[in-house]
N, C-alpha and C. Protein backbone atom coordinates (compact mmCIF):
# COMPACT_ATOMS: atom_id res chain seq x y z
N MET A 1 0.85 -1.18 0.00
CA MET A 1 0.00 0.00 0.00
C MET A 1 0.89 1.24 0.00
N ILE A 2 0.38 2.29 -0.65
CA ILE A 2 1.12 3.55 -0.71
C ILE A 2 0.16 4.69 -0.35
N HIS A 3 0.67 5.63 0.42
CA HIS A 3 -0.12 6.75 0.92
C HIS A 3 0.30 8.01 0.17
N TYR A 4 -0.66 8.72 -0.41
CA TYR A 4 -0.36 9.93 -1.15
C TYR A 4 -1.06 11.13 -0.56
N ALA A 5 -0.35 12.25 -0.52
CA ALA A 5 -0.98 13.54 -0.28
C ALA A 5 -1.41 14.02 -1.66
N LEU A 6 -2.65 14.47 -1.79
CA LEU A 6 -3.20 14.86 -3.08
C LEU A 6 -3.72 16.29 -3.01
N ARG A 7 -3.83 16.92 -4.16
CA ARG A 7 -4.34 18.28 -4.25
C ARG A 7 -5.14 18.40 -5.54
N CYS A 8 -6.34 19.00 -5.44
CA CYS A 8 -7.18 19.19 -6.63
C CYS A 8 -6.85 20.52 -7.29
N ASP A 9 -7.41 20.76 -8.45
CA ASP A 9 -7.14 22.00 -9.18
C ASP A 9 -7.73 23.23 -8.50
N ASN A 10 -8.57 23.02 -7.47
CA ASN A 10 -9.11 24.15 -6.71
C ASN A 10 -8.29 24.42 -5.46
N GLY A 11 -7.17 23.68 -5.29
CA GLY A 11 -6.27 23.91 -4.17
C GLY A 11 -6.60 23.17 -2.89
N HIS A 12 -7.60 22.28 -2.91
CA HIS A 12 -7.94 21.51 -1.71
C HIS A 12 -6.94 20.37 -1.54
N GLY A 13 -6.43 20.20 -0.34
CA GLY A 13 -5.52 19.10 -0.05
C GLY A 13 -6.24 17.97 0.66
N PHE A 14 -5.87 16.74 0.36
CA PHE A 14 -6.43 15.58 1.03
C PHE A 14 -5.47 14.41 0.83
N GLU A 15 -5.73 13.31 1.50
CA GLU A 15 -4.84 12.15 1.43
C GLU A 15 -5.64 10.91 1.06
N SER A 16 -4.93 9.92 0.49
CA SER A 16 -5.58 8.66 0.16
C SER A 16 -4.54 7.55 0.05
N TRP A 17 -5.00 6.32 0.22
CA TRP A 17 -4.15 5.14 0.10
C TRP A 17 -4.47 4.42 -1.21
N PHE A 18 -3.43 3.84 -1.83
CA PHE A 18 -3.59 3.08 -3.07
C PHE A 18 -2.76 1.81 -2.98
N ALA A 19 -3.14 0.81 -3.75
CA ALA A 19 -2.40 -0.46 -3.74
C ALA A 19 -0.94 -0.23 -4.15
N ASP A 20 -0.73 0.62 -5.16
CA ASP A 20 0.61 0.96 -5.62
C ASP A 20 0.51 2.20 -6.49
N SER A 21 1.63 2.68 -6.98
CA SER A 21 1.65 3.90 -7.79
C SER A 21 0.82 3.73 -9.06
N ALA A 22 0.89 2.56 -9.68
CA ALA A 22 0.13 2.30 -10.90
C ALA A 22 -1.38 2.37 -10.63
N ALA A 23 -1.80 1.93 -9.44
CA ALA A 23 -3.23 1.97 -9.10
C ALA A 23 -3.71 3.41 -9.04
N PHE A 24 -2.89 4.30 -8.44
CA PHE A 24 -3.27 5.71 -8.42
C PHE A 24 -3.40 6.24 -9.85
N ASP A 25 -2.38 5.98 -10.68
CA ASP A 25 -2.39 6.50 -12.06
C ASP A 25 -3.62 6.01 -12.82
N LYS A 26 -3.94 4.73 -12.69
CA LYS A 26 -5.08 4.15 -13.40
C LYS A 26 -6.39 4.77 -12.92
N GLN A 27 -6.55 4.88 -11.61
CA GLN A 27 -7.78 5.44 -11.06
C GLN A 27 -7.92 6.92 -11.41
N ALA A 28 -6.83 7.65 -11.37
CA ALA A 28 -6.87 9.08 -11.70
C ALA A 28 -7.26 9.27 -13.16
N ARG A 29 -6.68 8.46 -14.07
CA ARG A 29 -7.03 8.56 -15.49
C ARG A 29 -8.51 8.31 -15.72
N ARG A 30 -9.10 7.41 -14.96
CA ARG A 30 -10.52 7.06 -15.13
C ARG A 30 -11.45 8.00 -14.37
N GLY A 31 -10.88 8.98 -13.67
CA GLY A 31 -11.71 9.94 -12.94
C GLY A 31 -12.28 9.41 -11.65
N LEU A 32 -11.67 8.35 -11.11
CA LEU A 32 -12.17 7.74 -9.89
C LEU A 32 -11.59 8.37 -8.64
N VAL A 33 -10.56 9.19 -8.81
CA VAL A 33 -9.97 9.90 -7.67
C VAL A 33 -10.53 11.32 -7.72
N THR A 34 -11.37 11.65 -6.76
CA THR A 34 -12.00 12.97 -6.75
C THR A 34 -11.78 13.65 -5.40
N CYS A 35 -11.81 14.95 -5.43
CA CYS A 35 -11.63 15.76 -4.22
C CYS A 35 -12.86 15.60 -3.33
N PRO A 36 -12.66 15.27 -2.05
CA PRO A 36 -13.81 15.12 -1.15
C PRO A 36 -14.46 16.46 -0.81
N HIS A 37 -13.76 17.56 -1.09
CA HIS A 37 -14.29 18.89 -0.76
C HIS A 37 -15.17 19.45 -1.88
N CYS A 38 -14.72 19.30 -3.15
CA CYS A 38 -15.45 19.93 -4.25
C CYS A 38 -15.84 18.95 -5.37
N GLY A 39 -15.35 17.71 -5.31
CA GLY A 39 -15.71 16.71 -6.32
C GLY A 39 -14.89 16.77 -7.59
N SER A 40 -13.89 17.65 -7.66
CA SER A 40 -13.08 17.77 -8.87
C SER A 40 -12.28 16.49 -9.10
N ALA A 41 -12.23 16.06 -10.38
CA ALA A 41 -11.44 14.88 -10.74
C ALA A 41 -10.06 15.28 -11.24
N LYS A 42 -9.76 16.57 -11.24
CA LYS A 42 -8.43 17.04 -11.64
C LYS A 42 -7.55 17.04 -10.39
N VAL A 43 -6.95 15.88 -10.13
CA VAL A 43 -6.20 15.65 -8.90
C VAL A 43 -4.77 15.29 -9.23
N GLU A 44 -3.84 15.85 -8.47
CA GLU A 44 -2.42 15.54 -8.63
C GLU A 44 -1.82 15.16 -7.29
N LYS A 45 -0.71 14.43 -7.34
CA LYS A 45 0.03 14.13 -6.13
C LYS A 45 0.68 15.42 -5.64
N ALA A 46 0.61 15.67 -4.35
CA ALA A 46 1.25 16.83 -3.75
C ALA A 46 2.61 16.40 -3.20
N ILE A 47 3.46 17.36 -2.94
CA ILE A 47 4.77 17.05 -2.37
C ILE A 47 4.56 16.55 -0.95
N MET A 48 5.24 15.46 -0.62
CA MET A 48 5.04 14.82 0.67
C MET A 48 6.38 14.34 1.21
N ALA A 49 6.61 14.51 2.49
CA ALA A 49 7.84 14.03 3.09
C ALA A 49 7.86 12.51 3.03
N PRO A 50 8.97 11.90 2.63
CA PRO A 50 9.02 10.44 2.54
C PRO A 50 8.98 9.79 3.92
N ARG A 51 8.47 8.60 3.96
CA ARG A 51 8.44 7.81 5.19
C ARG A 51 9.40 6.66 4.99
N ILE A 52 10.51 6.69 5.68
CA ILE A 52 11.56 5.69 5.48
C ILE A 52 11.52 4.70 6.63
N ALA A 53 11.45 3.41 6.27
CA ALA A 53 11.42 2.35 7.28
C ALA A 53 12.84 2.03 7.72
N GLY A 54 12.94 1.43 8.87
CA GLY A 54 14.25 1.01 9.35
C GLY A 54 14.75 1.93 10.46
N GLY A 55 15.99 1.70 10.88
CA GLY A 55 16.56 2.51 11.95
C GLY A 55 16.13 1.98 13.30
N ARG A 56 16.77 2.51 14.34
CA ARG A 56 16.47 2.02 15.68
C ARG A 56 15.14 2.53 16.20
N LYS A 57 14.88 3.81 15.99
CA LYS A 57 13.63 4.37 16.51
C LYS A 57 12.63 4.43 15.38
N ARG A 58 11.47 3.84 15.62
CA ARG A 58 10.43 3.84 14.59
C ARG A 58 9.32 4.76 15.02
N ARG A 59 8.70 5.39 14.06
CA ARG A 59 7.55 6.25 14.32
C ARG A 59 6.37 5.42 14.79
N ALA A 60 5.54 6.02 15.59
CA ALA A 60 4.31 5.34 15.99
C ALA A 60 3.46 5.12 14.75
N VAL A 61 2.77 4.00 14.71
CA VAL A 61 1.97 3.64 13.54
C VAL A 61 0.88 4.68 13.28
N ASP A 62 0.29 5.21 14.35
CA ASP A 62 -0.80 6.14 14.14
C ASP A 62 -0.34 7.58 13.92
N GLU A 63 0.97 7.82 13.94
CA GLU A 63 1.48 9.17 13.70
C GLU A 63 1.48 9.45 12.20
N ALA A 64 0.89 10.52 11.80
CA ALA A 64 0.79 10.86 10.37
C ALA A 64 2.11 11.41 9.86
N PRO A 65 2.47 11.11 8.61
CA PRO A 65 3.68 11.68 8.04
C PRO A 65 3.50 13.17 7.83
N GLU A 66 4.61 13.87 7.85
CA GLU A 66 4.56 15.31 7.60
C GLU A 66 4.28 15.54 6.12
N ILE A 67 3.42 16.49 5.87
CA ILE A 67 3.07 16.80 4.50
C ILE A 67 3.54 18.22 4.21
N ALA A 68 4.39 18.33 3.22
CA ALA A 68 4.89 19.64 2.83
C ALA A 68 3.77 20.40 2.12
N PRO A 69 3.73 21.73 2.28
CA PRO A 69 2.70 22.48 1.55
C PRO A 69 2.86 22.28 0.06
N ALA A 70 1.77 22.02 -0.59
CA ALA A 70 1.81 21.77 -2.03
C ALA A 70 1.90 23.08 -2.79
N ALA A 71 2.68 23.05 -3.84
CA ALA A 71 2.79 24.21 -4.71
C ALA A 71 1.53 24.30 -5.56
N PRO A 72 1.20 25.50 -6.04
CA PRO A 72 0.05 25.61 -6.92
C PRO A 72 0.22 24.71 -8.14
N LEU A 73 -0.88 24.20 -8.66
CA LEU A 73 -0.82 23.34 -9.83
C LEU A 73 -0.28 24.11 -11.02
N ALA A 74 0.69 23.55 -11.68
CA ALA A 74 1.29 24.21 -12.83
C ALA A 74 0.49 23.89 -14.08
N GLU A 75 0.53 24.80 -15.03
CA GLU A 75 -0.11 24.54 -16.32
C GLU A 75 0.66 23.43 -17.01
N LYS A 76 -0.06 22.52 -17.62
CA LYS A 76 0.59 21.41 -18.31
C LYS A 76 0.43 21.59 -19.80
N ALA A 77 1.48 21.28 -20.52
CA ALA A 77 1.44 21.34 -21.97
C ALA A 77 1.20 19.95 -22.51
N PRO A 78 0.55 19.83 -23.67
CA PRO A 78 0.35 18.51 -24.27
C PRO A 78 1.70 17.83 -24.52
N VAL A 79 1.73 16.51 -24.33
CA VAL A 79 2.99 15.78 -24.48
C VAL A 79 2.91 14.70 -25.55
N ALA A 80 1.79 14.58 -26.22
CA ALA A 80 1.66 13.55 -27.24
C ALA A 80 1.07 14.15 -28.51
N MET A 81 1.47 13.59 -29.61
CA MET A 81 0.90 14.00 -30.89
C MET A 81 -0.31 13.11 -31.16
N ILE A 82 -1.39 13.71 -31.63
CA ILE A 82 -2.56 12.92 -31.97
C ILE A 82 -2.87 13.11 -33.45
N SER A 83 -3.43 12.09 -34.01
CA SER A 83 -3.73 12.11 -35.45
C SER A 83 -4.90 13.04 -35.73
N PRO A 84 -5.04 13.48 -36.98
CA PRO A 84 -6.20 14.30 -37.34
C PRO A 84 -7.52 13.59 -37.06
N GLN A 85 -7.54 12.27 -37.24
CA GLN A 85 -8.77 11.51 -36.97
C GLN A 85 -9.11 11.57 -35.47
N GLU A 86 -8.10 11.43 -34.64
CA GLU A 86 -8.35 11.50 -33.20
C GLU A 86 -8.76 12.91 -32.80
N GLN A 87 -8.18 13.93 -33.42
CA GLN A 87 -8.58 15.31 -33.13
C GLN A 87 -10.06 15.51 -33.49
N GLU A 88 -10.47 14.96 -34.63
CA GLU A 88 -11.86 15.07 -35.06
C GLU A 88 -12.78 14.32 -34.09
N PHE A 89 -12.36 13.12 -33.67
CA PHE A 89 -13.14 12.33 -32.73
C PHE A 89 -13.32 13.08 -31.40
N ARG A 90 -12.23 13.66 -30.91
CA ARG A 90 -12.31 14.44 -29.66
C ARG A 90 -13.22 15.65 -29.81
N ALA A 91 -13.16 16.29 -30.97
CA ALA A 91 -14.02 17.45 -31.22
C ALA A 91 -15.49 17.03 -31.18
N LYS A 92 -15.79 15.87 -31.76
CA LYS A 92 -17.18 15.36 -31.76
C LYS A 92 -17.62 15.01 -30.33
N LEU A 93 -16.73 14.39 -29.56
CA LEU A 93 -17.07 14.08 -28.16
C LEU A 93 -17.31 15.37 -27.36
N LYS A 94 -16.47 16.37 -27.60
CA LYS A 94 -16.64 17.65 -26.91
C LYS A 94 -17.97 18.28 -27.30
N GLU A 95 -18.31 18.21 -28.58
CA GLU A 95 -19.58 18.74 -29.07
C GLU A 95 -20.75 18.01 -28.41
N LEU A 96 -20.65 16.68 -28.30
CA LEU A 96 -21.70 15.90 -27.66
C LEU A 96 -21.85 16.31 -26.20
N ARG A 97 -20.74 16.42 -25.50
CA ARG A 97 -20.77 16.81 -24.09
C ARG A 97 -21.41 18.19 -23.92
N GLU A 98 -21.00 19.14 -24.75
CA GLU A 98 -21.57 20.49 -24.66
C GLU A 98 -23.07 20.48 -24.95
N HIS A 99 -23.51 19.63 -25.90
CA HIS A 99 -24.93 19.51 -26.22
C HIS A 99 -25.71 18.99 -25.00
N ILE A 100 -25.15 17.98 -24.36
CA ILE A 100 -25.82 17.41 -23.18
C ILE A 100 -25.94 18.45 -22.09
N VAL A 101 -24.84 19.13 -21.78
CA VAL A 101 -24.83 20.12 -20.71
C VAL A 101 -25.80 21.27 -21.03
N LYS A 102 -25.87 21.66 -22.29
CA LYS A 102 -26.73 22.78 -22.70
C LYS A 102 -28.21 22.40 -22.70
N ASN A 103 -28.53 21.17 -23.08
CA ASN A 103 -29.92 20.79 -23.31
C ASN A 103 -30.54 19.86 -22.26
N ALA A 104 -29.79 19.52 -21.24
CA ALA A 104 -30.32 18.62 -20.21
C ALA A 104 -30.24 19.30 -18.84
N ASP A 105 -31.03 18.80 -17.91
CA ASP A 105 -31.04 19.33 -16.55
C ASP A 105 -29.97 18.63 -15.72
N ASP A 106 -29.14 19.42 -15.02
CA ASP A 106 -28.14 18.86 -14.13
C ASP A 106 -28.82 18.56 -12.79
N VAL A 107 -28.96 17.29 -12.47
CA VAL A 107 -29.60 16.89 -11.22
C VAL A 107 -28.59 16.48 -10.16
N GLY A 108 -27.31 16.60 -10.50
CA GLY A 108 -26.23 16.35 -9.54
C GLY A 108 -26.29 14.97 -8.92
N GLN A 109 -26.18 14.94 -7.59
CA GLN A 109 -26.15 13.69 -6.84
C GLN A 109 -27.49 12.95 -6.87
N LYS A 110 -28.54 13.62 -7.32
CA LYS A 110 -29.87 12.99 -7.35
C LYS A 110 -30.11 12.23 -8.65
N PHE A 111 -29.07 12.04 -9.47
CA PHE A 111 -29.26 11.36 -10.75
C PHE A 111 -29.95 10.00 -10.61
N PRO A 112 -29.47 9.09 -9.73
CA PRO A 112 -30.14 7.78 -9.64
C PRO A 112 -31.62 7.91 -9.27
N GLU A 113 -31.92 8.79 -8.33
CA GLU A 113 -33.30 8.98 -7.88
C GLU A 113 -34.17 9.53 -9.02
N GLU A 114 -33.69 10.55 -9.72
CA GLU A 114 -34.45 11.15 -10.81
C GLU A 114 -34.64 10.16 -11.97
N ALA A 115 -33.59 9.38 -12.28
CA ALA A 115 -33.69 8.39 -13.36
C ALA A 115 -34.75 7.34 -13.03
N ARG A 116 -34.79 6.92 -11.78
CA ARG A 116 -35.80 5.93 -11.36
C ARG A 116 -37.21 6.52 -11.47
N LYS A 117 -37.39 7.76 -11.02
CA LYS A 117 -38.71 8.39 -11.08
C LYS A 117 -39.22 8.44 -12.53
N MET A 118 -38.34 8.77 -13.46
CA MET A 118 -38.76 8.82 -14.86
C MET A 118 -39.04 7.42 -15.39
N HIS A 119 -38.17 6.47 -15.05
CA HIS A 119 -38.34 5.10 -15.54
C HIS A 119 -39.66 4.49 -15.08
N TYR A 120 -40.03 4.75 -13.84
CA TYR A 120 -41.25 4.16 -13.29
C TYR A 120 -42.49 5.05 -13.48
N GLY A 121 -42.35 6.12 -14.27
CA GLY A 121 -43.48 6.96 -14.63
C GLY A 121 -43.95 7.92 -13.54
N GLU A 122 -43.13 8.16 -12.54
CA GLU A 122 -43.51 9.08 -11.46
C GLU A 122 -43.33 10.53 -11.87
N THR A 123 -42.44 10.79 -12.82
CA THR A 123 -42.24 12.14 -13.34
C THR A 123 -42.13 12.05 -14.86
N GLU A 124 -42.29 13.20 -15.50
CA GLU A 124 -42.22 13.26 -16.96
C GLU A 124 -40.79 13.02 -17.44
N HIS A 125 -40.65 12.33 -18.56
CA HIS A 125 -39.34 12.07 -19.13
C HIS A 125 -38.73 13.36 -19.63
N ARG A 126 -37.43 13.55 -19.36
CA ARG A 126 -36.68 14.69 -19.84
C ARG A 126 -35.22 14.29 -19.85
N SER A 127 -34.39 15.06 -20.49
CA SER A 127 -32.95 14.78 -20.51
C SER A 127 -32.33 15.32 -19.23
N ILE A 128 -31.60 14.44 -18.55
CA ILE A 128 -30.92 14.83 -17.31
C ILE A 128 -29.49 14.31 -17.35
N TYR A 129 -28.65 14.91 -16.53
CA TYR A 129 -27.31 14.37 -16.28
C TYR A 129 -26.96 14.68 -14.85
N GLY A 130 -26.02 13.94 -14.32
CA GLY A 130 -25.63 14.13 -12.93
C GLY A 130 -24.55 13.14 -12.55
N VAL A 131 -24.54 12.77 -11.29
CA VAL A 131 -23.49 11.92 -10.74
C VAL A 131 -24.10 10.64 -10.19
N ALA A 132 -23.43 9.52 -10.49
CA ALA A 132 -23.85 8.23 -9.94
C ALA A 132 -22.59 7.45 -9.58
N SER A 133 -22.61 6.82 -8.44
CA SER A 133 -21.49 5.97 -8.05
C SER A 133 -21.51 4.71 -8.90
N PRO A 134 -20.40 3.98 -8.96
CA PRO A 134 -20.42 2.71 -9.70
C PRO A 134 -21.52 1.76 -9.19
N GLU A 135 -21.76 1.76 -7.88
CA GLU A 135 -22.81 0.91 -7.33
C GLU A 135 -24.19 1.37 -7.79
N ASP A 136 -24.42 2.70 -7.77
CA ASP A 136 -25.70 3.24 -8.26
C ASP A 136 -25.90 2.87 -9.72
N ALA A 137 -24.86 3.01 -10.54
CA ALA A 137 -24.95 2.70 -11.96
C ALA A 137 -25.29 1.23 -12.17
N ARG A 138 -24.66 0.36 -11.40
CA ARG A 138 -24.93 -1.08 -11.50
C ARG A 138 -26.40 -1.37 -11.15
N GLU A 139 -26.90 -0.75 -10.09
CA GLU A 139 -28.29 -0.97 -9.69
C GLU A 139 -29.26 -0.45 -10.75
N LEU A 140 -28.97 0.73 -11.32
CA LEU A 140 -29.83 1.26 -12.38
C LEU A 140 -29.87 0.30 -13.57
N ALA A 141 -28.72 -0.21 -13.96
CA ALA A 141 -28.65 -1.15 -15.09
C ALA A 141 -29.43 -2.43 -14.79
N GLU A 142 -29.31 -2.93 -13.56
CA GLU A 142 -30.03 -4.14 -13.17
C GLU A 142 -31.55 -3.93 -13.20
N GLU A 143 -31.99 -2.69 -12.97
CA GLU A 143 -33.42 -2.37 -13.01
C GLU A 143 -33.90 -2.12 -14.44
N GLY A 144 -32.98 -2.16 -15.41
CA GLY A 144 -33.35 -1.93 -16.79
C GLY A 144 -33.46 -0.47 -17.17
N ILE A 145 -32.88 0.40 -16.37
CA ILE A 145 -32.92 1.84 -16.63
C ILE A 145 -31.74 2.17 -17.54
N GLU A 146 -32.05 2.72 -18.71
CA GLU A 146 -31.00 3.02 -19.68
C GLU A 146 -30.38 4.38 -19.40
N PHE A 147 -29.04 4.42 -19.44
CA PHE A 147 -28.29 5.66 -19.24
C PHE A 147 -26.93 5.47 -19.89
N LEU A 148 -26.24 6.55 -20.14
CA LEU A 148 -24.90 6.51 -20.70
C LEU A 148 -24.02 7.49 -19.93
N PRO A 149 -22.74 7.17 -19.79
CA PRO A 149 -21.85 8.14 -19.14
C PRO A 149 -21.63 9.34 -20.05
N VAL A 150 -21.53 10.52 -19.44
CA VAL A 150 -21.23 11.72 -20.20
C VAL A 150 -19.75 11.66 -20.57
N PRO A 151 -19.41 11.85 -21.85
CA PRO A 151 -18.00 11.75 -22.24
C PRO A 151 -17.14 12.78 -21.53
N ILE A 152 -15.99 12.32 -21.04
CA ILE A 152 -15.00 13.21 -20.43
C ILE A 152 -13.74 13.07 -21.25
N LEU A 153 -13.23 14.18 -21.70
CA LEU A 153 -12.04 14.16 -22.54
C LEU A 153 -10.78 14.26 -21.69
N PRO A 154 -9.68 13.68 -22.16
CA PRO A 154 -8.43 13.77 -21.41
C PRO A 154 -8.04 15.21 -21.08
N ASP A 155 -8.32 16.14 -21.98
CA ASP A 155 -7.99 17.55 -21.76
C ASP A 155 -8.68 18.12 -20.53
N GLU A 156 -9.84 17.57 -20.19
CA GLU A 156 -10.60 18.07 -19.04
C GLU A 156 -10.03 17.59 -17.73
N ARG A 157 -9.09 16.67 -17.75
CA ARG A 157 -8.50 16.13 -16.52
C ARG A 157 -7.04 16.53 -16.36
N ASN A 158 -6.46 17.15 -17.33
CA ASN A 158 -5.05 17.53 -17.22
C ASN A 158 -4.91 18.93 -16.69
């Protein structure tokens, strides 16, 4: 297990544990690492004092490692070349996302509840978007409620 100090693009600091460095990278790419304060998925590792094992005197297990103040998030430049086809595909995904945001109601954390109400005829059908946990999404699918994830582009997470 590895412990990371993290910081979102809004400057909120928080900590989390991961199986290993690759697990953090994979979860962050998929948007599964979010700020508990504001929900932002634009999260980076913050500077943290290392915890070195060994030596005669060991730190108490429950003593937290010192966390250095994190520097403001730096602007990142693109590091990969993408083909014209991929640029066109990303433009279409961005267009789709903008269409959804412009033409649907943002119901936020109430997405599962609102989707169920529409599915079971308790409210009128309309376009909505919001947030659902993986467990909520699984339950909605098991109930036969159709939904799709809103496309998130890599540029929106860097």
